[in-house]
N, C-alpha and C. Protein backbone atom coordinates (compact mmCIF):
# COMPACT_ATOMS: atom_id res chain seq x y z
N UNK A 1 121.66 112.78 102.56
CA UNK A 1 122.73 112.45 103.50
C UNK A 1 122.64 111.04 104.07
N UNK A 2 121.53 110.36 103.82
CA UNK A 2 121.43 108.99 104.31
C UNK A 2 122.31 108.03 103.52
N UNK A 3 122.79 108.47 102.36
CA UNK A 3 123.70 107.66 101.54
C UNK A 3 124.71 108.61 100.89
N UNK A 4 125.56 109.19 101.71
CA UNK A 4 126.46 110.27 101.26
C UNK A 4 127.57 109.79 100.32
N UNK A 5 127.99 108.56 100.43
CA UNK A 5 129.02 107.96 99.58
C UNK A 5 130.22 108.90 99.39
N UNK A 6 130.80 109.33 100.48
CA UNK A 6 131.88 110.30 100.46
C UNK A 6 133.06 109.87 99.60
N UNK A 7 133.45 108.60 99.70
CA UNK A 7 134.59 108.13 98.91
C UNK A 7 134.28 108.17 97.41
N UNK A 8 133.10 107.70 97.03
CA UNK A 8 132.71 107.72 95.62
C UNK A 8 132.60 109.16 95.11
N UNK A 9 131.99 110.04 95.89
CA UNK A 9 131.86 111.44 95.47
C UNK A 9 133.24 112.08 95.30
N UNK A 10 134.16 111.79 96.21
CA UNK A 10 135.52 112.30 96.08
C UNK A 10 136.18 111.84 94.80
N UNK A 11 136.03 110.55 94.49
CA UNK A 11 136.58 110.02 93.24
C UNK A 11 135.96 110.71 92.03
N UNK A 12 134.64 110.86 92.04
CA UNK A 12 133.95 111.49 90.92
C UNK A 12 134.45 112.91 90.69
N UNK A 13 134.61 113.64 91.77
CA UNK A 13 135.04 115.03 91.64
C UNK A 13 136.48 115.13 91.11
N UNK A 14 137.34 114.19 91.50
CA UNK A 14 138.72 114.23 91.01
C UNK A 14 138.82 113.85 89.54
N UNK A 15 137.81 113.16 89.02
CA UNK A 15 137.82 112.76 87.61
C UNK A 15 136.90 113.64 86.75
N UNK A 16 136.37 114.70 87.34
CA UNK A 16 135.55 115.64 86.58
C UNK A 16 134.11 115.21 86.38
N UNK A 17 133.66 114.22 87.14
CA UNK A 17 132.27 113.77 87.06
C UNK A 17 131.47 114.50 88.13
N UNK A 18 130.36 115.09 87.75
CA UNK A 18 129.53 115.83 88.71
C UNK A 18 128.47 114.88 89.28
N UNK A 19 128.47 114.70 90.59
CA UNK A 19 127.46 113.83 91.21
C UNK A 19 126.07 114.46 91.10
N UNK A 20 125.07 113.60 90.99
CA UNK A 20 123.68 114.05 90.94
C UNK A 20 122.95 113.54 92.16
N UNK A 21 122.28 114.44 92.86
CA UNK A 21 121.47 114.07 94.02
C UNK A 21 120.05 113.78 93.56
N UNK A 22 119.75 112.50 93.36
CA UNK A 22 118.41 112.10 92.97
C UNK A 22 117.62 111.84 94.24
N UNK A 23 116.42 112.34 94.33
CA UNK A 23 115.60 112.29 95.55
C UNK A 23 116.31 113.01 96.71
N UNK A 24 116.79 114.23 96.48
CA UNK A 24 117.59 114.90 97.51
C UNK A 24 116.82 115.28 98.77
N UNK A 25 115.50 115.30 98.69
CA UNK A 25 114.70 115.67 99.86
C UNK A 25 114.08 114.43 100.50
N UNK A 26 114.03 113.35 99.76
CA UNK A 26 113.47 112.07 100.22
C UNK A 26 111.99 112.17 100.52
N UNK A 27 111.30 113.12 99.89
CA UNK A 27 109.84 113.18 100.04
C UNK A 27 109.26 111.95 99.37
N UNK A 28 108.28 111.38 100.00
CA UNK A 28 107.65 110.20 99.43
C UNK A 28 108.34 108.90 99.79
N UNK A 29 109.45 109.00 100.52
CA UNK A 29 110.16 107.77 100.93
C UNK A 29 109.31 107.02 101.96
N UNK A 30 109.44 105.73 101.98
CA UNK A 30 108.74 104.89 102.94
C UNK A 30 109.35 105.14 104.32
N UNK A 31 108.65 105.90 105.16
CA UNK A 31 109.22 106.27 106.46
C UNK A 31 109.32 105.08 107.42
N UNK A 32 108.67 103.97 107.09
CA UNK A 32 108.85 102.78 107.91
C UNK A 32 110.27 102.22 107.71
N UNK A 33 110.82 102.45 106.51
CA UNK A 33 112.16 101.96 106.19
C UNK A 33 113.20 103.08 106.27
N UNK A 34 112.73 104.30 106.15
CA UNK A 34 113.63 105.44 106.07
C UNK A 34 113.09 106.56 106.96
N UNK A 35 113.87 107.02 107.92
CA UNK A 35 113.39 108.11 108.78
C UNK A 35 113.24 109.40 107.98
N UNK A 36 112.42 110.31 108.47
CA UNK A 36 112.28 111.62 107.83
C UNK A 36 113.60 112.36 108.05
N UNK A 37 114.42 112.37 107.01
CA UNK A 37 115.77 112.90 107.13
C UNK A 37 115.76 114.39 107.50
N UNK A 38 114.73 115.12 107.11
CA UNK A 38 114.69 116.55 107.44
C UNK A 38 114.52 116.79 108.94
N UNK A 39 114.19 115.73 109.69
CA UNK A 39 114.03 115.86 111.15
C UNK A 39 115.27 115.45 111.92
N UNK A 40 116.34 115.08 111.22
CA UNK A 40 117.60 114.72 111.89
C UNK A 40 118.14 115.95 112.63
N UNK A 41 118.75 115.78 113.79
CA UNK A 41 119.22 116.92 114.58
C UNK A 41 120.12 117.90 113.82
N UNK A 42 121.09 117.42 113.06
CA UNK A 42 121.99 118.32 112.33
C UNK A 42 121.26 119.17 111.31
N UNK A 43 120.26 118.58 110.70
CA UNK A 43 119.48 119.31 109.70
C UNK A 43 118.54 120.29 110.37
N UNK A 44 117.90 119.85 111.44
CA UNK A 44 117.00 120.76 112.18
C UNK A 44 117.75 121.96 112.74
N UNK A 45 118.94 121.73 113.29
CA UNK A 45 119.68 122.86 113.86
C UNK A 45 120.12 123.84 112.78
N UNK A 46 120.54 123.34 111.61
CA UNK A 46 120.90 124.23 110.50
C UNK A 46 119.67 124.98 110.00
N UNK A 47 118.53 124.30 109.92
CA UNK A 47 117.29 124.95 109.48
C UNK A 47 116.92 126.07 110.44
N UNK A 48 117.00 125.81 111.73
CA UNK A 48 116.68 126.84 112.72
C UNK A 48 117.65 128.01 112.62
N UNK A 49 118.93 127.73 112.50
CA UNK A 49 119.95 128.78 112.45
C UNK A 49 119.74 129.70 111.24
N UNK A 50 119.37 129.12 110.09
CA UNK A 50 119.24 129.90 108.86
C UNK A 50 117.79 130.31 108.56
N UNK A 51 116.87 129.97 109.47
CA UNK A 51 115.43 130.23 109.26
C UNK A 51 114.95 129.63 107.94
N UNK A 52 115.29 128.36 107.74
CA UNK A 52 114.92 127.62 106.54
C UNK A 52 114.22 126.33 106.94
N UNK A 53 113.62 125.67 105.97
CA UNK A 53 113.00 124.38 106.22
C UNK A 53 114.04 123.26 106.09
N UNK A 54 113.70 122.09 106.62
CA UNK A 54 114.59 120.94 106.46
C UNK A 54 114.88 120.64 105.00
N UNK A 55 113.86 120.60 104.12
CA UNK A 55 114.14 120.34 102.70
C UNK A 55 115.06 121.39 102.07
N UNK A 56 114.94 122.64 102.48
CA UNK A 56 115.85 123.66 101.94
C UNK A 56 117.29 123.39 102.38
N UNK A 57 117.46 122.96 103.59
CA UNK A 57 118.81 122.62 104.08
C UNK A 57 119.35 121.42 103.30
N UNK A 58 118.51 120.43 103.04
CA UNK A 58 118.95 119.25 102.29
C UNK A 58 119.41 119.63 100.88
N UNK A 59 118.65 120.49 100.21
CA UNK A 59 119.05 120.92 98.87
C UNK A 59 120.36 121.70 98.93
N UNK A 60 120.47 122.60 99.90
CA UNK A 60 121.68 123.41 100.03
C UNK A 60 122.88 122.53 100.36
N UNK A 61 122.68 121.51 101.18
CA UNK A 61 123.75 120.58 101.52
C UNK A 61 124.29 119.90 100.26
N UNK A 62 123.38 119.41 99.42
CA UNK A 62 123.82 118.77 98.19
C UNK A 62 124.61 119.71 97.30
N UNK A 63 124.11 120.93 97.16
CA UNK A 63 124.80 121.93 96.34
C UNK A 63 126.15 122.29 96.96
N UNK A 64 126.19 122.38 98.28
CA UNK A 64 127.44 122.71 98.98
C UNK A 64 128.50 121.64 98.75
N UNK A 65 128.07 120.42 98.50
CA UNK A 65 129.01 119.31 98.22
C UNK A 65 129.38 119.23 96.75
N UNK A 66 128.85 120.15 95.93
CA UNK A 66 129.19 120.16 94.52
C UNK A 66 128.31 119.27 93.66
N UNK A 67 127.16 118.87 94.19
CA UNK A 67 126.23 118.02 93.45
C UNK A 67 125.26 118.85 92.63
N UNK A 68 124.73 118.25 91.59
CA UNK A 68 123.53 118.75 90.94
C UNK A 68 122.40 118.08 91.72
N UNK A 69 121.42 118.84 92.16
CA UNK A 69 120.29 118.25 92.88
C UNK A 69 119.04 118.35 92.01
N UNK A 70 118.23 117.32 92.05
CA UNK A 70 117.03 117.26 91.21
C UNK A 70 115.80 117.09 92.10
N UNK A 71 115.33 118.19 92.68
CA UNK A 71 114.05 118.09 93.39
C UNK A 71 112.94 118.19 92.36
N UNK A 72 111.85 117.54 92.59
CA UNK A 72 110.76 117.70 91.64
C UNK A 72 109.48 118.03 92.41
N UNK A 73 108.71 118.89 91.81
CA UNK A 73 107.43 119.25 92.39
C UNK A 73 106.60 119.99 91.35
N UNK A 74 105.32 119.84 91.44
CA UNK A 74 104.42 120.64 90.61
C UNK A 74 103.66 121.63 91.49
N UNK A 75 103.97 121.62 92.78
CA UNK A 75 103.34 122.51 93.74
C UNK A 75 104.10 123.84 93.76
N UNK A 76 103.40 124.93 93.47
CA UNK A 76 104.06 126.24 93.36
C UNK A 76 104.81 126.60 94.64
N UNK A 77 104.20 126.40 95.79
CA UNK A 77 104.86 126.77 97.05
C UNK A 77 106.15 125.97 97.27
N UNK A 78 106.13 124.70 96.90
CA UNK A 78 107.35 123.89 97.05
C UNK A 78 108.40 124.29 96.03
N UNK A 79 107.99 124.63 94.81
CA UNK A 79 108.94 125.12 93.81
C UNK A 79 109.64 126.37 94.32
N UNK A 80 108.85 127.29 94.89
CA UNK A 80 109.40 128.53 95.45
C UNK A 80 110.36 128.20 96.60
N UNK A 81 109.95 127.29 97.47
CA UNK A 81 110.79 126.88 98.60
C UNK A 81 112.10 126.27 98.09
N UNK A 82 112.04 125.47 97.04
CA UNK A 82 113.25 124.86 96.48
C UNK A 82 114.21 125.94 95.98
N UNK A 83 113.69 126.94 95.29
CA UNK A 83 114.54 128.02 94.78
C UNK A 83 115.16 128.81 95.93
N UNK A 84 114.40 128.99 97.00
CA UNK A 84 114.91 129.74 98.15
C UNK A 84 116.00 128.98 98.91
N UNK A 85 116.27 127.74 98.53
CA UNK A 85 117.38 127.01 99.16
C UNK A 85 118.72 127.54 98.68
N UNK A 86 118.69 128.43 97.69
CA UNK A 86 119.92 129.00 97.13
C UNK A 86 120.35 130.29 97.83
N UNK A 87 119.51 130.85 98.70
CA UNK A 87 119.83 132.17 99.25
C UNK A 87 120.50 132.15 100.62
N UNK A 88 121.15 131.05 100.95
CA UNK A 88 121.95 130.98 102.17
C UNK A 88 123.07 129.98 101.94
N UNK A 89 124.05 129.98 102.82
CA UNK A 89 125.19 129.07 102.67
C UNK A 89 125.43 128.33 103.98
N UNK A 90 125.46 127.03 103.91
CA UNK A 90 125.83 126.23 105.08
C UNK A 90 127.32 126.38 105.33
N UNK A 91 127.71 126.40 106.58
CA UNK A 91 129.14 126.47 106.92
C UNK A 91 129.76 125.09 106.71
N UNK A 92 131.09 125.03 106.53
CA UNK A 92 131.74 123.72 106.41
C UNK A 92 131.43 122.77 107.58
N UNK A 93 131.41 123.25 108.83
CA UNK A 93 131.05 122.32 109.92
C UNK A 93 129.60 121.81 109.80
N UNK A 94 128.68 122.66 109.30
CA UNK A 94 127.30 122.19 109.11
C UNK A 94 127.24 121.12 108.02
N UNK A 95 127.97 121.34 106.93
CA UNK A 95 128.00 120.36 105.84
C UNK A 95 128.57 119.04 106.37
N UNK A 96 129.63 119.10 107.14
CA UNK A 96 130.24 117.89 107.71
C UNK A 96 129.29 117.18 108.66
N UNK A 97 128.58 117.94 109.49
CA UNK A 97 127.63 117.33 110.44
C UNK A 97 126.49 116.62 109.70
N UNK A 98 126.02 117.23 108.63
CA UNK A 98 124.93 116.61 107.86
C UNK A 98 125.46 115.38 107.11
N UNK A 99 126.65 115.47 106.57
CA UNK A 99 127.25 114.34 105.87
C UNK A 99 127.42 113.15 106.82
N UNK A 100 127.70 113.43 108.08
CA UNK A 100 127.91 112.37 109.07
C UNK A 100 126.63 111.58 109.38
N UNK A 101 125.49 112.05 108.91
CA UNK A 101 124.23 111.33 109.11
C UNK A 101 124.23 110.01 108.32
N UNK A 102 125.11 109.89 107.36
CA UNK A 102 125.18 108.75 106.43
C UNK A 102 124.93 107.42 107.12
N UNK A 103 123.93 106.69 106.61
CA UNK A 103 123.62 105.34 107.09
C UNK A 103 123.74 104.32 105.97
N UNK A 104 124.14 104.77 104.79
CA UNK A 104 124.20 103.87 103.64
C UNK A 104 122.81 103.46 103.16
N UNK A 105 121.80 104.25 103.50
CA UNK A 105 120.42 103.92 103.15
C UNK A 105 120.02 104.56 101.83
N UNK A 106 119.58 103.76 100.87
CA UNK A 106 119.14 104.26 99.57
C UNK A 106 117.63 104.51 99.58
N UNK A 107 117.23 105.62 99.01
CA UNK A 107 115.82 105.91 98.84
C UNK A 107 115.29 105.13 97.63
N UNK A 108 116.06 105.12 96.57
CA UNK A 108 115.70 104.41 95.33
C UNK A 108 116.74 103.32 95.10
N UNK A 109 116.43 102.12 95.49
CA UNK A 109 117.37 101.03 95.32
C UNK A 109 117.39 100.51 93.89
N UNK A 110 118.50 99.93 93.49
CA UNK A 110 118.64 99.43 92.12
C UNK A 110 117.68 98.29 91.81
N UNK A 111 117.16 97.63 92.83
CA UNK A 111 116.22 96.54 92.58
C UNK A 111 114.92 97.06 91.97
N UNK A 112 114.69 98.36 92.05
CA UNK A 112 113.48 98.94 91.50
C UNK A 112 113.60 99.22 90.02
N UNK A 113 114.73 98.95 89.42
CA UNK A 113 114.97 99.35 88.04
C UNK A 113 115.12 98.14 87.12
N UNK A 114 114.16 97.28 87.12
CA UNK A 114 114.04 96.15 86.20
C UNK A 114 115.31 95.29 86.18
N UNK A 115 115.83 95.03 87.35
CA UNK A 115 116.97 94.14 87.46
C UNK A 115 118.30 94.72 87.03
N UNK A 116 118.35 96.01 86.71
CA UNK A 116 119.60 96.64 86.31
C UNK A 116 120.15 97.49 87.46
N UNK A 117 121.41 97.32 87.73
CA UNK A 117 122.05 98.11 88.77
C UNK A 117 122.51 99.44 88.17
N UNK A 118 121.71 100.49 88.37
CA UNK A 118 122.04 101.79 87.80
C UNK A 118 122.59 102.76 88.82
N UNK A 119 122.63 102.36 90.08
CA UNK A 119 123.17 103.20 91.14
C UNK A 119 124.47 102.61 91.64
N UNK A 120 125.45 103.50 91.85
CA UNK A 120 126.75 103.04 92.34
C UNK A 120 126.66 102.66 93.80
């Protein structure tokens, strides 16, 4: 949600392109440059309401917006937690509140990809 790109996502969906949420949980992000997004008030309140973790809410938010989300982990407990992000549904107002967190902040900037701009 730190880079929701609502206009671009809307365009993609109208043209049949499915958005992909790369780094949807932002684990491993440099917290000096990027706040722990799972601690944002809208995410924390949704997590409390649904008895879920912040990362589960983040994954569910991406799916609720029609994205494919790509969390990665080799930790069994985190894999299980990621799958459990499918067993609840955020309400439209919760999705909107989380989307409003948008700061235009990228976790993986295009400068990290050998001088090629691969992110819209």
